[in-house]
N, C-alpha and C. Protein backbone atom coordinates (compact mmCIF):
# COMPACT_ATOMS: atom_id res chain seq x y z
N MET A 1 0.85 -1.18 0.00
CA MET A 1 0.00 0.00 0.00
C MET A 1 0.89 1.24 0.00
N GLU A 2 0.63 2.15 -0.88
CA GLU A 2 1.41 3.37 -0.98
C GLU A 2 0.77 4.47 -0.14
N ASN A 3 1.60 5.43 0.20
CA ASN A 3 1.13 6.58 0.96
C ASN A 3 1.18 7.83 0.09
N THR A 4 0.34 8.78 0.41
CA THR A 4 0.38 10.08 -0.25
C THR A 4 0.65 11.14 0.80
N LYS A 5 1.20 12.27 0.36
CA LYS A 5 1.47 13.37 1.27
C LYS A 5 0.69 14.60 0.85
N GLU A 6 0.22 15.33 1.84
CA GLU A 6 -0.44 16.61 1.63
C GLU A 6 0.20 17.61 2.58
N GLU A 7 0.09 18.87 2.26
CA GLU A 7 0.59 19.92 3.14
C GLU A 7 -0.49 20.96 3.36
N PHE A 8 -0.59 21.42 4.59
CA PHE A 8 -1.52 22.48 4.96
C PHE A 8 -0.76 23.54 5.73
N TRP A 9 -0.99 24.80 5.42
CA TRP A 9 -0.45 25.91 6.20
C TRP A 9 -1.56 26.41 7.12
N VAL A 10 -1.24 26.57 8.39
CA VAL A 10 -2.22 27.07 9.35
C VAL A 10 -1.58 28.13 10.22
N LYS A 11 -2.40 29.01 10.74
CA LYS A 11 -1.96 29.96 11.75
C LYS A 11 -1.79 29.19 13.05
N GLY A 12 -0.94 29.68 13.92
CA GLY A 12 -0.65 28.99 15.17
C GLY A 12 -1.89 28.61 15.96
N GLU A 13 -2.83 29.54 16.08
CA GLU A 13 -4.02 29.28 16.89
C GLU A 13 -4.96 28.25 16.26
N GLU A 14 -4.79 27.93 14.98
CA GLU A 14 -5.64 26.96 14.28
C GLU A 14 -5.07 25.53 14.32
N LEU A 15 -3.87 25.39 14.84
CA LEU A 15 -3.15 24.12 14.74
C LEU A 15 -3.88 22.95 15.39
N VAL A 16 -4.29 23.10 16.64
CA VAL A 16 -4.90 21.99 17.37
C VAL A 16 -6.20 21.55 16.70
N GLU A 17 -7.02 22.49 16.28
CA GLU A 17 -8.29 22.13 15.62
C GLU A 17 -8.04 21.40 14.31
N LYS A 18 -7.05 21.84 13.55
CA LYS A 18 -6.74 21.18 12.27
C LYS A 18 -6.23 19.76 12.52
N ILE A 19 -5.41 19.57 13.54
CA ILE A 19 -4.93 18.22 13.87
C ILE A 19 -6.10 17.32 14.23
N LYS A 20 -7.01 17.80 15.05
CA LYS A 20 -8.18 17.01 15.43
C LYS A 20 -9.00 16.64 14.20
N GLN A 21 -9.18 17.60 13.30
CA GLN A 21 -9.95 17.35 12.08
C GLN A 21 -9.28 16.27 11.23
N LEU A 22 -7.98 16.37 11.06
CA LEU A 22 -7.26 15.40 10.24
C LEU A 22 -7.31 14.00 10.84
N ILE A 23 -7.14 13.90 12.15
CA ILE A 23 -7.20 12.60 12.81
C ILE A 23 -8.59 11.98 12.64
N HIS A 24 -9.61 12.81 12.73
CA HIS A 24 -10.98 12.33 12.60
C HIS A 24 -11.27 11.75 11.21
N GLU A 25 -10.55 12.21 10.19
CA GLU A 25 -10.75 11.72 8.82
C GLU A 25 -10.44 10.24 8.68
N GLY A 26 -9.53 9.73 9.49
CA GLY A 26 -9.35 8.29 9.57
C GLY A 26 -8.23 7.65 8.77
N ASN A 27 -7.83 8.16 7.63
CA ASN A 27 -6.81 7.49 6.84
C ASN A 27 -5.44 8.14 6.98
N VAL A 28 -5.26 8.94 8.02
CA VAL A 28 -3.99 9.62 8.28
C VAL A 28 -3.06 8.68 9.03
N ARG A 29 -1.83 8.55 8.57
CA ARG A 29 -0.83 7.69 9.21
C ARG A 29 0.14 8.49 10.07
N ARG A 30 0.48 9.71 9.64
CA ARG A 30 1.48 10.50 10.36
C ARG A 30 1.23 11.97 10.08
N LEU A 31 1.42 12.79 11.11
CA LEU A 31 1.35 14.24 10.99
C LEU A 31 2.72 14.80 11.38
N ILE A 32 3.26 15.68 10.55
CA ILE A 32 4.56 16.29 10.82
C ILE A 32 4.34 17.80 10.88
N ILE A 33 4.68 18.40 12.02
CA ILE A 33 4.46 19.82 12.23
C ILE A 33 5.79 20.55 12.05
N LYS A 34 5.82 21.53 11.10
CA LYS A 34 7.03 22.28 10.80
C LYS A 34 6.73 23.78 10.83
N ASP A 35 7.81 24.57 11.00
CA ASP A 35 7.64 26.02 10.90
C ASP A 35 7.94 26.46 9.47
N GLU A 36 7.92 27.77 9.25
CA GLU A 36 8.13 28.32 7.90
C GLU A 36 9.50 27.99 7.33
N ASP A 37 10.47 27.76 8.20
CA ASP A 37 11.83 27.44 7.76
C ASP A 37 12.06 25.95 7.55
N GLY A 38 11.05 25.14 7.82
CA GLY A 38 11.17 23.70 7.65
C GLY A 38 11.63 22.96 8.89
N LYS A 39 11.80 23.67 10.00
CA LYS A 39 12.21 23.02 11.25
C LYS A 39 11.06 22.16 11.76
N VAL A 40 11.33 20.88 12.00
CA VAL A 40 10.31 19.95 12.50
C VAL A 40 10.18 20.13 14.01
N TYR A 41 8.97 20.44 14.46
CA TYR A 41 8.72 20.56 15.89
C TYR A 41 8.36 19.22 16.49
N PHE A 42 7.50 18.46 15.83
CA PHE A 42 7.24 17.10 16.26
C PHE A 42 6.47 16.35 15.19
N GLU A 43 6.48 15.03 15.34
CA GLU A 43 5.75 14.13 14.46
C GLU A 43 4.77 13.35 15.30
N ILE A 44 3.58 13.17 14.78
CA ILE A 44 2.55 12.41 15.47
C ILE A 44 2.24 11.17 14.63
N PRO A 45 2.62 9.99 15.11
CA PRO A 45 2.19 8.79 14.41
C PRO A 45 0.73 8.52 14.77
N VAL A 46 -0.11 8.44 13.78
CA VAL A 46 -1.54 8.25 14.03
C VAL A 46 -1.88 6.82 13.64
N THR A 47 -1.89 5.97 14.65
CA THR A 47 -2.26 4.58 14.43
C THR A 47 -3.45 4.26 15.30
N PHE A 48 -4.05 3.12 15.06
CA PHE A 48 -5.26 2.74 15.78
C PHE A 48 -5.05 2.78 17.30
N GLY A 49 -3.91 2.30 17.78
CA GLY A 49 -3.65 2.27 19.21
C GLY A 49 -3.33 3.61 19.84
N VAL A 50 -2.94 4.59 19.04
CA VAL A 50 -2.52 5.88 19.57
C VAL A 50 -3.67 6.84 19.76
N ILE A 51 -4.77 6.62 19.09
CA ILE A 51 -5.86 7.58 19.08
C ILE A 51 -6.36 7.92 20.49
N GLY A 52 -6.40 6.97 21.39
CA GLY A 52 -6.98 7.16 22.71
C GLY A 52 -6.22 8.12 23.60
N ALA A 53 -5.73 7.62 24.71
CA ALA A 53 -5.14 8.43 25.75
C ALA A 53 -3.83 9.09 25.34
N LEU A 54 -3.12 8.54 24.38
CA LEU A 54 -1.82 9.08 24.01
C LEU A 54 -1.91 10.34 23.16
N ILE A 55 -3.04 10.58 22.53
CA ILE A 55 -3.14 11.74 21.65
C ILE A 55 -3.31 13.04 22.44
N ALA A 56 -3.88 12.99 23.63
CA ALA A 56 -4.11 14.19 24.43
C ALA A 56 -2.81 14.94 24.75
N PRO A 57 -1.76 14.26 25.22
CA PRO A 57 -0.51 15.00 25.46
C PRO A 57 0.09 15.59 24.18
N MET A 58 -0.09 14.90 23.07
CA MET A 58 0.42 15.41 21.79
C MET A 58 -0.33 16.69 21.39
N LEU A 59 -1.63 16.72 21.64
CA LEU A 59 -2.39 17.93 21.33
C LEU A 59 -1.99 19.08 22.25
N ALA A 60 -1.67 18.77 23.50
CA ALA A 60 -1.20 19.80 24.43
C ALA A 60 0.13 20.37 23.95
N ALA A 61 1.01 19.50 23.47
CA ALA A 61 2.29 19.95 22.93
C ALA A 61 2.08 20.81 21.69
N ALA A 62 1.12 20.41 20.84
CA ALA A 62 0.81 21.19 19.65
C ALA A 62 0.31 22.57 20.04
N GLY A 63 -0.47 22.66 21.10
CA GLY A 63 -0.94 23.95 21.58
C GLY A 63 0.19 24.84 22.05
N ALA A 64 1.18 24.23 22.70
CA ALA A 64 2.34 25.00 23.16
C ALA A 64 3.16 25.52 21.98
N VAL A 65 3.34 24.68 20.96
CA VAL A 65 4.06 25.11 19.76
C VAL A 65 3.29 26.23 19.07
N ALA A 66 1.98 26.07 18.99
CA ALA A 66 1.15 27.08 18.32
C ALA A 66 1.26 28.43 18.99
N ALA A 67 1.46 28.45 20.29
CA ALA A 67 1.58 29.71 21.02
C ALA A 67 2.89 30.43 20.68
N MET A 68 3.90 29.67 20.25
CA MET A 68 5.21 30.26 19.98
C MET A 68 5.43 30.63 18.52
N VAL A 69 4.71 30.00 17.59
CA VAL A 69 4.99 30.15 16.16
C VAL A 69 3.74 30.67 15.45
N ALA A 70 3.93 31.64 14.57
CA ALA A 70 2.79 32.27 13.89
C ALA A 70 2.22 31.40 12.78
N ASN A 71 3.07 30.85 11.91
CA ASN A 71 2.60 30.05 10.78
C ASN A 71 3.28 28.69 10.83
N LEU A 72 2.48 27.66 10.63
CA LEU A 72 2.99 26.30 10.69
C LEU A 72 2.53 25.50 9.49
N LYS A 73 3.35 24.55 9.10
CA LYS A 73 2.97 23.65 8.02
C LYS A 73 2.72 22.28 8.63
N ILE A 74 1.61 21.67 8.24
CA ILE A 74 1.30 20.31 8.65
C ILE A 74 1.47 19.43 7.43
N GLU A 75 2.40 18.49 7.50
CA GLU A 75 2.53 17.48 6.45
C GLU A 75 1.71 16.28 6.88
N VAL A 76 0.85 15.83 6.01
CA VAL A 76 -0.04 14.71 6.32
C VAL A 76 0.33 13.55 5.42
N VAL A 77 0.64 12.41 6.03
CA VAL A 77 0.91 11.18 5.29
C VAL A 77 -0.33 10.32 5.43
N ARG A 78 -0.92 9.98 4.29
CA ARG A 78 -2.17 9.20 4.28
C ARG A 78 -1.97 7.87 3.59
N ASP A 79 -2.78 6.90 4.00
CA ASP A 79 -2.87 5.64 3.27
C ASP A 79 -3.71 5.87 2.04
N ASN A 80 -3.25 5.36 0.91
CA ASN A 80 -4.08 5.40 -0.27
C ASN A 80 -5.17 4.37 -0.14
N GLU A 81 -6.32 4.70 -0.63
CA GLU A 81 -7.42 3.74 -0.64
C GLU A 81 -7.11 2.63 -1.63
N PRO A 82 -7.30 1.38 -1.23
CA PRO A 82 -7.05 0.30 -2.19
C PRO A 82 -8.06 0.35 -3.33
N GLU A 83 -7.56 0.12 -4.52
CA GLU A 83 -8.44 0.12 -5.69
C GLU A 83 -9.16 -1.21 -5.79
N ASN A 84 -10.44 -1.14 -6.12
CA ASN A 84 -11.21 -2.38 -6.32
C ASN A 84 -10.94 -2.91 -7.71
N LYS A 85 -10.36 -4.08 -7.78
CA LYS A 85 -10.08 -4.70 -9.07
C LYS A 85 -11.03 -5.88 -9.23
N GLU A 86 -11.84 -5.81 -10.24
CA GLU A 86 -12.82 -6.88 -10.46
C GLU A 86 -12.51 -7.62 -11.72
C-alpha cells in the first residue's frame, strides 16, 4: 500500500483544531508539524492504538508550539485507498 502526502499551512491558533480534524478523517498515518523554515517541531504517528489516551498530550504539545509560532505547516501522510479490481 502506498502513501500520499499533503501539506496544509495554518496559523498557530488553528493548529490543534486542524490536527483534530485530520485525525478524525481516519486514513492519516502520520502528521509532521514544521515552521516556515522547515524546522520539524514534532511528528505524530496516528495509528489505531494511539488515538486514545496518548493523543491528548500530543495535542497539548501542539498547543504549546502554536503559542510560539505564527505560521505552521502540517505534512499529512495518508494511506491510499485500495483500488477495487474486479
